[in-house]
Amino acid sequence: MATDSPGRQISPSEGKQGRLRVLIFTRRIGEEIRIGDNIRVRIIDIKGKQVRLGIEAPPEVIIHREEIYLRINEKNAKTSEAGNEEEKLSGDILPKDVDQVD
């Protein structure tokens, strides 16, 4: 993987039309990453192989862990196939192990 500036690595496919970039950061507890002007990701804690993240974003930005996102999409696909559009999940569900702070 190539590096174009300190702390920022880019994938070989960067710059090709239709491709996504993968940025790799090294952060310590308490440090943050900004996404645009209104999303902030803070490293809250690190225990072994687990990292706790705090994500501050506007309420209209829907944020999910990958496995929850996939579950919602799977449920919505099955609901669409069955013709039950009103039963689609909106994405406003939170698993029991997620703390939400307002």
PDB file of N, CA and C in Angstrom:
ATOM      1  N   MET A   1       0.837  -1.168   0.000  1.00  0.00           N
ATOM      2  CA  MET A   1       0.000   0.000   0.000  1.00  0.00           C
ATOM      3  C   MET A   1       0.887   1.238   0.000  1.00  0.00           C
ATOM      4  N   ALA A   2       0.555   2.227  -0.792  1.00  0.00           N
ATOM      5  CA  ALA A   2       1.351   3.444  -0.907  1.00  0.00           C
ATOM      6  C   ALA A   2       0.954   4.455   0.166  1.00  0.00           C
ATOM      7  N   THR A   3       1.873   5.367   0.474  1.00  0.00           N
ATOM      8  CA  THR A   3       1.605   6.419   1.432  1.00  0.00           C
ATOM      9  C   THR A   3       1.811   7.755   0.737  1.00  0.00           C
ATOM     10  N   ASP A   4       0.836   8.686   0.878  1.00  0.00           N
ATOM     11  CA  ASP A   4       1.011   9.986   0.239  1.00  0.00           C
ATOM     12  C   ASP A   4       1.287  11.096   1.232  1.00  0.00           C
ATOM     13  N   SER A   5       1.144  10.839   2.516  1.00  0.00           N
ATOM     14  CA  SER A   5       1.496  11.797   3.565  1.00  0.00           C
ATOM     15  C   SER A   5       1.607  11.018   4.868  1.00  0.00           C
ATOM     16  N   PRO A   6       2.263  11.567   5.881  1.00  0.00           N
ATOM     17  CA  PRO A   6       2.400  10.831   7.146  1.00  0.00           C
ATOM     18  C   PRO A   6       1.047  10.424   7.721  1.00  0.00           C
ATOM     19  N   GLY A   7       0.901   9.153   8.064  1.00  0.00           N
ATOM     20  CA  GLY A   7      -0.309   8.656   8.695  1.00  0.00           C
ATOM     21  C   GLY A   7      -1.443   8.350   7.750  1.00  0.00           C
ATOM     22  N   ARG A   8      -1.274   8.587   6.474  1.00  0.00           N
ATOM     23  CA  ARG A   8      -2.356   8.342   5.534  1.00  0.00           C
ATOM     24  C   ARG A   8      -1.884   7.371   4.478  1.00  0.00           C
ATOM     25  N   GLN A   9      -2.515   6.220   4.433  1.00  0.00           N
ATOM     26  CA  GLN A   9      -2.166   5.224   3.425  1.00  0.00           C
ATOM     27  C   GLN A   9      -3.296   5.146   2.416  1.00  0.00           C
ATOM     28  N   ILE A  10      -2.969   4.932   1.182  1.00  0.00           N
ATOM     29  CA  ILE A  10      -3.973   4.847   0.136  1.00  0.00           C
ATOM     30  C   ILE A  10      -3.885   3.505  -0.561  1.00  0.00           C
ATOM     31  N   SER A  11      -5.023   3.042  -1.023  1.00  0.00           N
ATOM     32  CA  SER A  11      -5.022   1.774  -1.743  1.00  0.00           C
ATOM     33  C   SER A  11      -4.590   2.020  -3.182  1.00  0.00           C
ATOM     34  N   PRO A  12      -4.068   1.004  -3.853  1.00  0.00           N
ATOM     35  CA  PRO A  12      -3.632   1.173  -5.241  1.00  0.00           C
ATOM     36  C   PRO A  12      -4.762   1.597  -6.169  1.00  0.00           C
ATOM     37  N   SER A  13      -6.018   1.327  -5.789  1.00  0.00           N
ATOM     38  CA  SER A  13      -7.144   1.662  -6.665  1.00  0.00           C
ATOM     39  C   SER A  13      -7.623   3.100  -6.492  1.00  0.00           C
ATOM     40  N   GLU A  14      -7.022   3.849  -5.581  1.00  0.00           N
ATOM     41  CA  GLU A  14      -7.479   5.213  -5.360  1.00  0.00           C
ATOM     42  C   GLU A  14      -7.337   6.038  -6.630  1.00  0.00           C
ATOM     43  N   GLY A  15      -8.346   6.853  -6.879  1.00  0.00           N
ATOM     44  CA  GLY A  15      -8.295   7.721  -8.032  1.00  0.00           C
ATOM     45  C   GLY A  15      -9.002   7.140  -9.246  1.00  0.00           C
ATOM     46  N   LYS A  16      -9.223   5.854  -9.283  1.00  0.00           N
ATOM     47  CA  LYS A  16      -9.960   5.263 -10.390  1.00  0.00           C
ATOM     48  C   LYS A  16     -11.440   5.549 -10.179  1.00  0.00           C
ATOM     49  N   GLN A  17     -12.109   5.903 -11.235  1.00  0.00           N
ATOM     50  CA  GLN A  17     -13.516   6.273 -11.142  1.00  0.00           C
ATOM     51  C   GLN A  17     -14.344   5.124 -10.574  1.00  0.00           C
ATOM     52  N   GLY A  18     -15.212   5.448  -9.621  1.00  0.00           N
ATOM     53  CA  GLY A  18     -16.091   4.459  -9.025  1.00  0.00           C
ATOM     54  C   GLY A  18     -15.479   3.661  -7.891  1.00  0.00           C
ATOM     55  N   ARG A  19     -14.250   3.939  -7.522  1.00  0.00           N
ATOM     56  CA  ARG A  19     -13.584   3.206  -6.447  1.00  0.00           C
ATOM     57  C   ARG A  19     -13.633   4.011  -5.154  1.00  0.00           C
ATOM     58  N   LEU A  20     -13.676   3.317  -4.035  1.00  0.00           N
ATOM     59  CA  LEU A  20     -13.637   3.964  -2.726  1.00  0.00           C
ATOM     60  C   LEU A  20     -12.216   3.971  -2.199  1.00  0.00           C
ATOM     61  N   ARG A  21     -11.891   4.987  -1.434  1.00  0.00           N
ATOM     62  CA  ARG A  21     -10.581   5.043  -0.804  1.00  0.00           C
ATOM     63  C   ARG A  21     -10.663   4.405   0.576  1.00  0.00           C
ATOM     64  N   VAL A  22      -9.579   3.824   0.990  1.00  0.00           N
ATOM     65  CA  VAL A  22      -9.457   3.285   2.341  1.00  0.00           C
ATOM     66  C   VAL A  22      -8.350   4.068   3.030  1.00  0.00           C
ATOM     67  N   LEU A  23      -8.718   4.800   4.064  1.00  0.00           N
ATOM     68  CA  LEU A  23      -7.736   5.555   4.835  1.00  0.00           C
ATOM     69  C   LEU A  23      -7.459   4.793   6.116  1.00  0.00           C
ATOM     70  N   ILE A  24      -6.212   4.658   6.480  1.00  0.00           N
ATOM     71  CA  ILE A  24      -5.825   3.938   7.683  1.00  0.00           C
ATOM     72  C   ILE A  24      -5.168   4.931   8.628  1.00  0.00           C
ATOM     73  N   PHE A  25      -5.741   5.057   9.825  1.00  0.00           N
ATOM     74  CA  PHE A  25      -5.242   5.997  10.816  1.00  0.00           C
ATOM     75  C   PHE A  25      -4.719   5.268  12.039  1.00  0.00           C
ATOM     76  N   THR A  26      -3.768   5.874  12.700  1.00  0.00           N
ATOM     77  CA  THR A  26      -3.327   5.421  14.008  1.00  0.00           C
ATOM     78  C   THR A  26      -3.743   6.496  14.997  1.00  0.00           C
ATOM     79  N   ARG A  27      -4.518   6.139  15.989  1.00  0.00           N
ATOM     80  CA  ARG A  27      -5.018   7.082  16.992  1.00  0.00           C
ATOM     81  C   ARG A  27      -4.805   6.496  18.376  1.00  0.00           C
ATOM     82  N   ARG A  28      -4.717   7.353  19.359  1.00  0.00           N
ATOM     83  CA  ARG A  28      -4.616   6.948  20.761  1.00  0.00           C
ATOM     84  C   ARG A  28      -5.921   7.297  21.470  1.00  0.00           C
ATOM     85  N   ILE A  29      -6.098   6.767  22.669  1.00  0.00           N
ATOM     86  CA  ILE A  29      -7.294   7.067  23.450  1.00  0.00           C
ATOM     87  C   ILE A  29      -7.430   8.579  23.592  1.00  0.00           C
ATOM     88  N   GLY A  30      -8.638   9.072  23.335  1.00  0.00           N
ATOM     89  CA  GLY A  30      -8.934  10.496  23.436  1.00  0.00           C
ATOM     90  C   GLY A  30      -8.739  11.258  22.141  1.00  0.00           C
ATOM     91  N   GLU A  31      -8.037  10.678  21.174  1.00  0.00           N
ATOM     92  CA  GLU A  31      -7.835  11.352  19.899  1.00  0.00           C
ATOM     93  C   GLU A  31      -9.049  11.135  18.993  1.00  0.00           C
ATOM     94  N   GLU A  32      -9.173  12.000  17.993  1.00  0.00           N
ATOM     95  CA  GLU A  32     -10.353  11.982  17.132  1.00  0.00           C
ATOM     96  C   GLU A  32      -9.996  11.927  15.661  1.00  0.00           C
ATOM     97  N   ILE A  33     -10.994  11.532  14.895  1.00  0.00           N
ATOM     98  CA  ILE A  33     -10.965  11.580  13.438  1.00  0.00           C
ATOM     99  C   ILE A  33     -12.199  12.362  13.027  1.00  0.00           C
ATOM    100  N   ARG A  34     -12.062  13.264  12.074  1.00  0.00           N
ATOM    101  CA  ARG A  34     -13.193  14.041  11.563  1.00  0.00           C
ATOM    102  C   ARG A  34     -13.585  13.519  10.184  1.00  0.00           C
ATOM    103  N   ILE A  35     -14.889  13.425   9.956  1.00  0.00           N
ATOM    104  CA  ILE A  35     -15.422  13.061   8.648  1.00  0.00           C
ATOM    105  C   ILE A  35     -16.292  14.234   8.217  1.00  0.00           C
ATOM    106  N   GLY A  36     -15.818  14.954   7.246  1.00  0.00           N
ATOM    107  CA  GLY A  36     -16.521  16.164   6.830  1.00  0.00           C
ATOM    108  C   GLY A  36     -16.500  17.187   7.957  1.00  0.00           C
ATOM    109  N   ASP A  37     -17.496  18.078   7.955  1.00  0.00           N
ATOM    110  CA  ASP A  37     -17.564  19.138   8.959  1.00  0.00           C
ATOM    111  C   ASP A  37     -18.369  18.755  10.189  1.00  0.00           C
ATOM    112  N   ASN A  38     -19.181  17.696  10.102  1.00  0.00           N
ATOM    113  CA  ASN A  38     -20.112  17.454  11.197  1.00  0.00           C
ATOM    114  C   ASN A  38     -20.104  16.048  11.785  1.00  0.00           C
ATOM    115  N   ILE A  39     -19.095  15.249  11.480  1.00  0.00           N
ATOM    116  CA  ILE A  39     -18.998  13.913  12.087  1.00  0.00           C
ATOM    117  C   ILE A  39     -17.628  13.794  12.749  1.00  0.00           C
ATOM    118  N   ARG A  40     -17.667  13.382  14.012  1.00  0.00           N
ATOM    119  CA  ARG A  40     -16.448  13.243  14.805  1.00  0.00           C
ATOM    120  C   ARG A  40     -16.420  11.831  15.385  1.00  0.00           C
ATOM    121  N   VAL A  41     -15.292  11.135  15.207  1.00  0.00           N
ATOM    122  CA  VAL A  41     -15.108   9.787  15.763  1.00  0.00           C
ATOM    123  C   VAL A  41     -13.974   9.877  16.772  1.00  0.00           C
ATOM    124  N   ARG A  42     -14.268   9.527  18.030  1.00  0.00           N
ATOM    125  CA  ARG A  42     -13.274   9.613  19.099  1.00  0.00           C
ATOM    126  C   ARG A  42     -12.960   8.212  19.614  1.00  0.00           C
ATOM    127  N   ILE A  43     -11.686   7.962  19.887  1.00  0.00           N
ATOM    128  CA  ILE A  43     -11.272   6.699  20.500  1.00  0.00           C
ATOM    129  C   ILE A  43     -11.533   6.840  21.998  1.00  0.00           C
ATOM    130  N   ILE A  44     -12.442   6.048  22.526  1.00  0.00           N
ATOM    131  CA  ILE A  44     -12.846   6.130  23.929  1.00  0.00           C
ATOM    132  C   ILE A  44     -11.982   5.226  24.800  1.00  0.00           C
ATOM    133  N   ASP A  45     -11.782   3.986  24.340  1.00  0.00           N
ATOM    134  CA  ASP A  45     -11.047   3.017  25.150  1.00  0.00           C
ATOM    135  C   ASP A  45     -10.521   1.908  24.263  1.00  0.00           C
ATOM    136  N   ILE A  46      -9.445   1.293  24.699  1.00  0.00           N
ATOM    137  CA  ILE A  46      -8.883   0.141  24.009  1.00  0.00           C
ATOM    138  C   ILE A  46      -8.592  -0.919  25.063  1.00  0.00           C
ATOM    139  N   LYS A  47      -9.209  -2.093  24.901  1.00  0.00           N
ATOM    140  CA  LYS A  47      -8.978  -3.212  25.811  1.00  0.00           C
ATOM    141  C   LYS A  47      -8.671  -4.433  24.968  1.00  0.00           C
ATOM    142  N   GLY A  48      -7.426  -4.857  24.986  1.00  0.00           N
ATOM    143  CA  GLY A  48      -7.034  -6.010  24.169  1.00  0.00           C
ATOM    144  C   GLY A  48      -7.253  -5.717  22.702  1.00  0.00           C
ATOM    145  N   LYS A  49      -8.103  -6.524  22.057  1.00  0.00           N
ATOM    146  CA  LYS A  49      -8.387  -6.344  20.635  1.00  0.00           C
ATOM    147  C   LYS A  49      -9.653  -5.535  20.380  1.00  0.00           C
ATOM    148  N   GLN A  50     -10.267  -5.010  21.436  1.00  0.00           N
ATOM    149  CA  GLN A  50     -11.493  -4.235  21.276  1.00  0.00           C
ATOM    150  C   GLN A  50     -11.219  -2.749  21.416  1.00  0.00           C
ATOM    151  N   VAL A  51     -11.837  -1.974  20.539  1.00  0.00           N
ATOM    152  CA  VAL A  51     -11.722  -0.520  20.568  1.00  0.00           C
ATOM    153  C   VAL A  51     -13.125   0.053  20.747  1.00  0.00           C
ATOM    154  N   ARG A  52     -13.313   0.912  21.750  1.00  0.00           N
ATOM    155  CA  ARG A  52     -14.594   1.601  21.932  1.00  0.00           C
ATOM    156  C   ARG A  52     -14.501   2.949  21.247  1.00  0.00           C
ATOM    157  N   LEU A  53     -15.466   3.198  20.362  1.00  0.00           N
ATOM    158  CA  LEU A  53     -15.521   4.450  19.617  1.00  0.00           C
ATOM    159  C   LEU A  53     -16.713   5.262  20.066  1.00  0.00           C
ATOM    160  N   GLY A  54     -16.542   6.573  20.099  1.00  0.00           N
ATOM    161  CA  GLY A  54     -17.651   7.487  20.302  1.00  0.00           C
ATOM    162  C   GLY A  54     -17.853   8.227  18.993  1.00  0.00           C
ATOM    163  N   ILE A  55     -19.075   8.215  18.473  1.00  0.00           N
ATOM    164  CA  ILE A  55     -19.342   8.863  17.192  1.00  0.00           C
ATOM    165  C   ILE A  55     -20.352   9.972  17.422  1.00  0.00           C
ATOM    166  N   GLU A  56     -19.953  11.191  17.095  1.00  0.00           N
ATOM    167  CA  GLU A  56     -20.831  12.352  17.207  1.00  0.00           C
ATOM    168  C   GLU A  56     -21.225  12.757  15.795  1.00  0.00           C
ATOM    169  N   ALA A  57     -22.529  12.726  15.516  1.00  0.00           N
ATOM    170  CA  ALA A  57     -23.023  13.032  14.180  1.00  0.00           C
ATOM    171  C   ALA A  57     -24.421  13.622  14.286  1.00  0.00           C
ATOM    172  N   PRO A  58     -24.848  14.355  13.271  1.00  0.00           N
ATOM    173  CA  PRO A  58     -26.211  14.889  13.272  1.00  0.00           C
ATOM    174  C   PRO A  58     -27.225  13.745  13.329  1.00  0.00           C
ATOM    175  N   PRO A  59     -28.410  14.019  13.871  1.00  0.00           N
ATOM    176  CA  PRO A  59     -29.421  12.955  14.022  1.00  0.00           C
ATOM    177  C   PRO A  59     -29.853  12.315  12.709  1.00  0.00           C
ATOM    178  N   GLU A  60     -29.730  13.013  11.599  1.00  0.00           N
ATOM    179  CA  GLU A  60     -30.160  12.441  10.325  1.00  0.00           C
ATOM    180  C   GLU A  60     -29.142  11.448   9.759  1.00  0.00           C
ATOM    181  N   VAL A  61     -27.957  11.364  10.356  1.00  0.00           N
ATOM    182  CA  VAL A  61     -26.941  10.415   9.913  1.00  0.00           C
ATOM    183  C   VAL A  61     -27.166   9.098  10.654  1.00  0.00           C
ATOM    184  N   ILE A  62     -27.446   8.057   9.913  1.00  0.00           N
ATOM    185  CA  ILE A  62     -27.706   6.741  10.510  1.00  0.00           C
ATOM    186  C   ILE A  62     -26.377   5.998  10.619  1.00  0.00           C
ATOM    187  N   ILE A  63     -26.091   5.509  11.827  1.00  0.00           N
ATOM    188  CA  ILE A  63     -24.818   4.834  12.100  1.00  0.00           C
ATOM    189  C   ILE A  63     -25.116   3.452  12.667  1.00  0.00           C
ATOM    190  N   HIS A  64     -24.491   2.434  12.099  1.00  0.00           N
ATOM    191  CA  HIS A  64     -24.676   1.050  12.565  1.00  0.00           C
ATOM    192  C   HIS A  64     -23.344   0.324  12.577  1.00  0.00           C
ATOM    193  N   ARG A  65     -23.248  -0.659  13.465  1.00  0.00           N
ATOM    194  CA  ARG A  65     -22.161  -1.636  13.340  1.00  0.00           C
ATOM    195  C   ARG A  65     -22.470  -2.453  12.090  1.00  0.00           C
ATOM    196  N   GLU A  66     -21.436  -3.010  11.487  1.00  0.00           N
ATOM    197  CA  GLU A  66     -21.606  -3.744  10.229  1.00  0.00           C
ATOM    198  C   GLU A  66     -22.643  -4.864  10.337  1.00  0.00           C
ATOM    199  N   GLU A  67     -22.588  -5.662  11.409  1.00  0.00           N
ATOM    200  CA  GLU A  67     -23.511  -6.799  11.512  1.00  0.00           C
ATOM    201  C   GLU A  67     -24.960  -6.347  11.663  1.00  0.00           C
ATOM    202  N   ILE A  68     -25.202  -5.215  12.297  1.00  0.00           N
ATOM    203  CA  ILE A  68     -26.560  -4.677  12.432  1.00  0.00           C
ATOM    204  C   ILE A  68     -27.029  -4.155  11.072  1.00  0.00           C
ATOM    205  N   TYR A  69     -26.152  -3.437  10.381  1.00  0.00           N
ATOM    206  CA  TYR A  69     -26.462  -2.919   9.042  1.00  0.00           C
ATOM    207  C   TYR A  69     -26.864  -4.056   8.105  1.00  0.00           C
ATOM    208  N   LEU A  70     -26.090  -5.132   8.112  1.00  0.00           N
ATOM    209  CA  LEU A  70     -26.388  -6.277   7.250  1.00  0.00           C
ATOM    210  C   LEU A  70     -27.717  -6.931   7.636  1.00  0.00           C
ATOM    211  N   ARG A  71     -27.994  -7.026   8.924  1.00  0.00           N
ATOM    212  CA  ARG A  71     -29.247  -7.619   9.392  1.00  0.00           C
ATOM    213  C   ARG A  71     -30.450  -6.784   8.938  1.00  0.00           C
ATOM    214  N   ILE A  72     -30.337  -5.463   9.043  1.00  0.00           N
ATOM    215  CA  ILE A  72     -31.417  -4.572   8.609  1.00  0.00           C
ATOM    216  C   ILE A  72     -31.653  -4.727   7.115  1.00  0.00           C
ATOM    217  N   ASN A  73     -30.575  -4.725   6.323  1.00  0.00           N
ATOM    218  CA  ASN A  73     -30.720  -4.864   4.871  1.00  0.00           C
ATOM    219  C   ASN A  73     -31.317  -6.213   4.489  1.00  0.00           C
ATOM    220  N   GLU A  74     -30.915  -7.271   5.196  1.00  0.00           N
ATOM    221  CA  GLU A  74     -31.466  -8.606   4.924  1.00  0.00           C
ATOM    222  C   GLU A  74     -32.964  -8.638   5.226  1.00  0.00           C
ATOM    223  N   LYS A  75     -33.352  -8.081   6.355  1.00  0.00           N
ATOM    224  CA  LYS A  75     -34.759  -8.035   6.750  1.00  0.00           C
ATOM    225  C   LYS A  75     -35.563  -7.217   5.738  1.00  0.00           C
ATOM    226  N   ASN A  76     -35.017  -6.073   5.324  1.00  0.00           N
ATOM    227  CA  ASN A  76     -35.723  -5.229   4.358  1.00  0.00           C
ATOM    228  C   ASN A  76     -35.853  -5.903   2.999  1.00  0.00           C
ATOM    229  N   ALA A  77     -34.835  -6.653   2.580  1.00  0.00           N
ATOM    230  CA  ALA A  77     -34.911  -7.368   1.305  1.00  0.00           C
ATOM    231  C   ALA A  77     -36.007  -8.431   1.357  1.00  0.00           C
ATOM    232  N   LYS A  78     -36.074  -9.167   2.474  1.00  0.00           N
ATOM    233  CA  LYS A  78     -37.115 -10.193   2.627  1.00  0.00           C
ATOM    234  C   LYS A  78     -38.498  -9.557   2.677  1.00  0.00           C
ATOM    235  N   THR A  79     -38.601  -8.415   3.338  1.00  0.00           N
ATOM    236  CA  THR A  79     -39.876  -7.703   3.440  1.00  0.00           C
ATOM    237  C   THR A  79     -40.323  -7.218   2.066  1.00  0.00           C
ATOM    238  N   SER A  80     -39.384  -6.695   1.270  1.00  0.00           N
ATOM    239  CA  SER A  80     -39.708  -6.224  -0.081  1.00  0.00           C
ATOM    240  C   SER A  80     -40.178  -7.368  -0.955  1.00  0.00           C
ATOM    241  N   GLU A  81     -39.501  -8.517  -0.856  1.00  0.00           N
ATOM    242  CA  GLU A  81     -39.890  -9.688  -1.645  1.00  0.00           C
ATOM    243  C   GLU A  81     -41.295 -10.146  -1.288  1.00  0.00           C
ATOM    244  N   ALA A  82     -41.669  -9.999  -0.022  1.00  0.00           N
ATOM    245  CA  ALA A  82     -42.991 -10.428   0.434  1.00  0.00           C
ATOM    246  C   ALA A  82     -44.054  -9.362   0.162  1.00  0.00           C
ATOM    247  N   GLY A  83     -43.619  -8.172  -0.266  1.00  0.00           N
ATOM    248  CA  GLY A  83     -44.569  -7.109  -0.571  1.00  0.00           C
ATOM    249  C   GLY A  83     -45.040  -6.338   0.648  1.00  0.00           C
ATOM    250  N   ASN A  84     -44.336  -6.440   1.768  1.00  0.00           N
ATOM    251  CA  ASN A  84     -44.730  -5.758   3.006  1.00  0.00           C
ATOM    252  C   ASN A  84     -43.857  -4.529   3.241  1.00  0.00           C
ATOM    253  N   GLU A  85     -43.975  -3.531   2.394  1.00  0.00           N
ATOM    254  CA  GLU A  85     -43.124  -2.338   2.469  1.00  0.00           C
ATOM    255  C   GLU A  85     -43.231  -1.616   3.809  1.00  0.00           C
ATOM    256  N   GLU A  86     -44.418  -1.627   4.416  1.00  0.00           N
ATOM    257  CA  GLU A  86     -44.594  -0.895   5.681  1.00  0.00           C
ATOM    258  C   GLU A  86     -43.865  -1.545   6.855  1.00  0.00           C
ATOM    259  N   GLU A  87     -43.409  -2.783   6.694  1.00  0.00           N
ATOM    260  CA  GLU A  87     -42.698  -3.478   7.766  1.00  0.00           C
ATOM    261  C   GLU A  87     -41.185  -3.306   7.694  1.00  0.00           C
ATOM    262  N   LYS A  88     -40.695  -2.538   6.728  1.00  0.00           N
ATOM    263  CA  LYS A  88     -39.254  -2.338   6.612  1.00  0.00           C
ATOM    264  C   LYS A  88     -38.705  -1.670   7.859  1.00  0.00           C
ATOM    265  N   LEU A  89     -37.497  -2.062   8.238  1.00  0.00           N
ATOM    266  CA  LEU A  89     -36.826  -1.444   9.380  1.00  0.00           C
ATOM    267  C   LEU A  89     -36.243  -0.112   8.956  1.00  0.00           C
ATOM    268  N   SER A  90     -36.399   0.883   9.802  1.00  0.00           N
ATOM    269  CA  SER A  90     -35.900   2.214   9.462  1.00  0.00           C
ATOM    270  C   SER A  90     -34.433   2.379   9.784  1.00  0.00           C
ATOM    271  N   GLY A  91     -33.892   1.489  10.596  1.00  0.00           N
ATOM    272  CA  GLY A  91     -32.502   1.647  10.997  1.00  0.00           C
ATOM    273  C   GLY A  91     -32.368   2.331  12.338  1.00  0.00           C
ATOM    274  N   ASP A  92     -33.479   2.553  13.019  1.00  0.00           N
ATOM    275  CA  ASP A  92     -33.440   3.238  14.309  1.00  0.00           C
ATOM    276  C   ASP A  92     -33.299   2.280  15.480  1.00  0.00           C
ATOM    277  N   ILE A  93     -32.975   1.013  15.217  1.00  0.00           N
ATOM    278  CA  ILE A  93     -32.838   0.048  16.302  1.00  0.00           C
ATOM    279  C   ILE A  93     -31.409   0.062  16.830  1.00  0.00           C
ATOM    280  N   LEU A  94     -31.266  -0.170  18.120  1.00  0.00           N
ATOM    281  CA  LEU A  94     -29.954  -0.262  18.743  1.00  0.00           C
ATOM    282  C   LEU A  94     -29.836  -1.593  19.464  1.00  0.00           C
ATOM    283  N   PRO A  95     -28.738  -2.308  19.289  1.00  0.00           N
ATOM    284  CA  PRO A  95     -28.541  -3.537  20.039  1.00  0.00           C
ATOM    285  C   PRO A  95     -28.384  -3.226  21.528  1.00  0.00           C
ATOM    286  N   LYS A  96     -28.576  -4.217  22.385  1.00  0.00           N
ATOM    287  CA  LYS A  96     -28.520  -4.020  23.831  1.00  0.00           C
ATOM    288  C   LYS A  96     -27.154  -3.545  24.320  1.00  0.00           C
ATOM    289  N   ASP A  97     -26.085  -3.874  23.592  1.00  0.00           N
ATOM    290  CA  ASP A  97     -24.746  -3.525  24.070  1.00  0.00           C
ATOM    291  C   ASP A  97     -24.232  -2.183  23.545  1.00  0.00           C
ATOM    292  N   VAL A  98     -25.120  -1.348  23.002  1.00  0.00           N
ATOM    293  CA  VAL A  98     -24.723  -0.035  22.490  1.00  0.00           C
ATOM    294  C   VAL A  98     -25.270   1.047  23.410  1.00  0.00           C
ATOM    295  N   ASP A  99     -24.382   1.906  23.878  1.00  0.00           N
ATOM    296  CA  ASP A  99     -24.789   3.029  24.707  1.00  0.00           C
ATOM    297  C   ASP A  99     -25.029   4.221  23.801  1.00  0.00           C
ATOM    298  N   GLN A 100     -26.158   4.905  23.996  1.00  0.00           N
ATOM    299  CA  GLN A 100     -26.430   6.103  23.224  1.00  0.00           C
ATOM    300  C   GLN A 100     -26.457   7.276  24.184  1.00  0.00           C
ATOM    301  N   VAL A 101     -25.686   8.300  23.861  1.00  0.00           N
ATOM    302  CA  VAL A 101     -25.616   9.487  24.691  1.00  0.00           C
ATOM    303  C   VAL A 101     -26.106  10.655  23.870  1.00  0.00           C
ATOM    304  N   ASP A 102     -27.064  11.404  24.402  1.00  0.00           N
ATOM    305  CA  ASP A 102     -27.580  12.588  23.701  1.00  0.00           C
ATOM    306  C   ASP A 102     -26.936  13.843  24.235  1.00  0.00           C
TER     307      ASP A 102
END
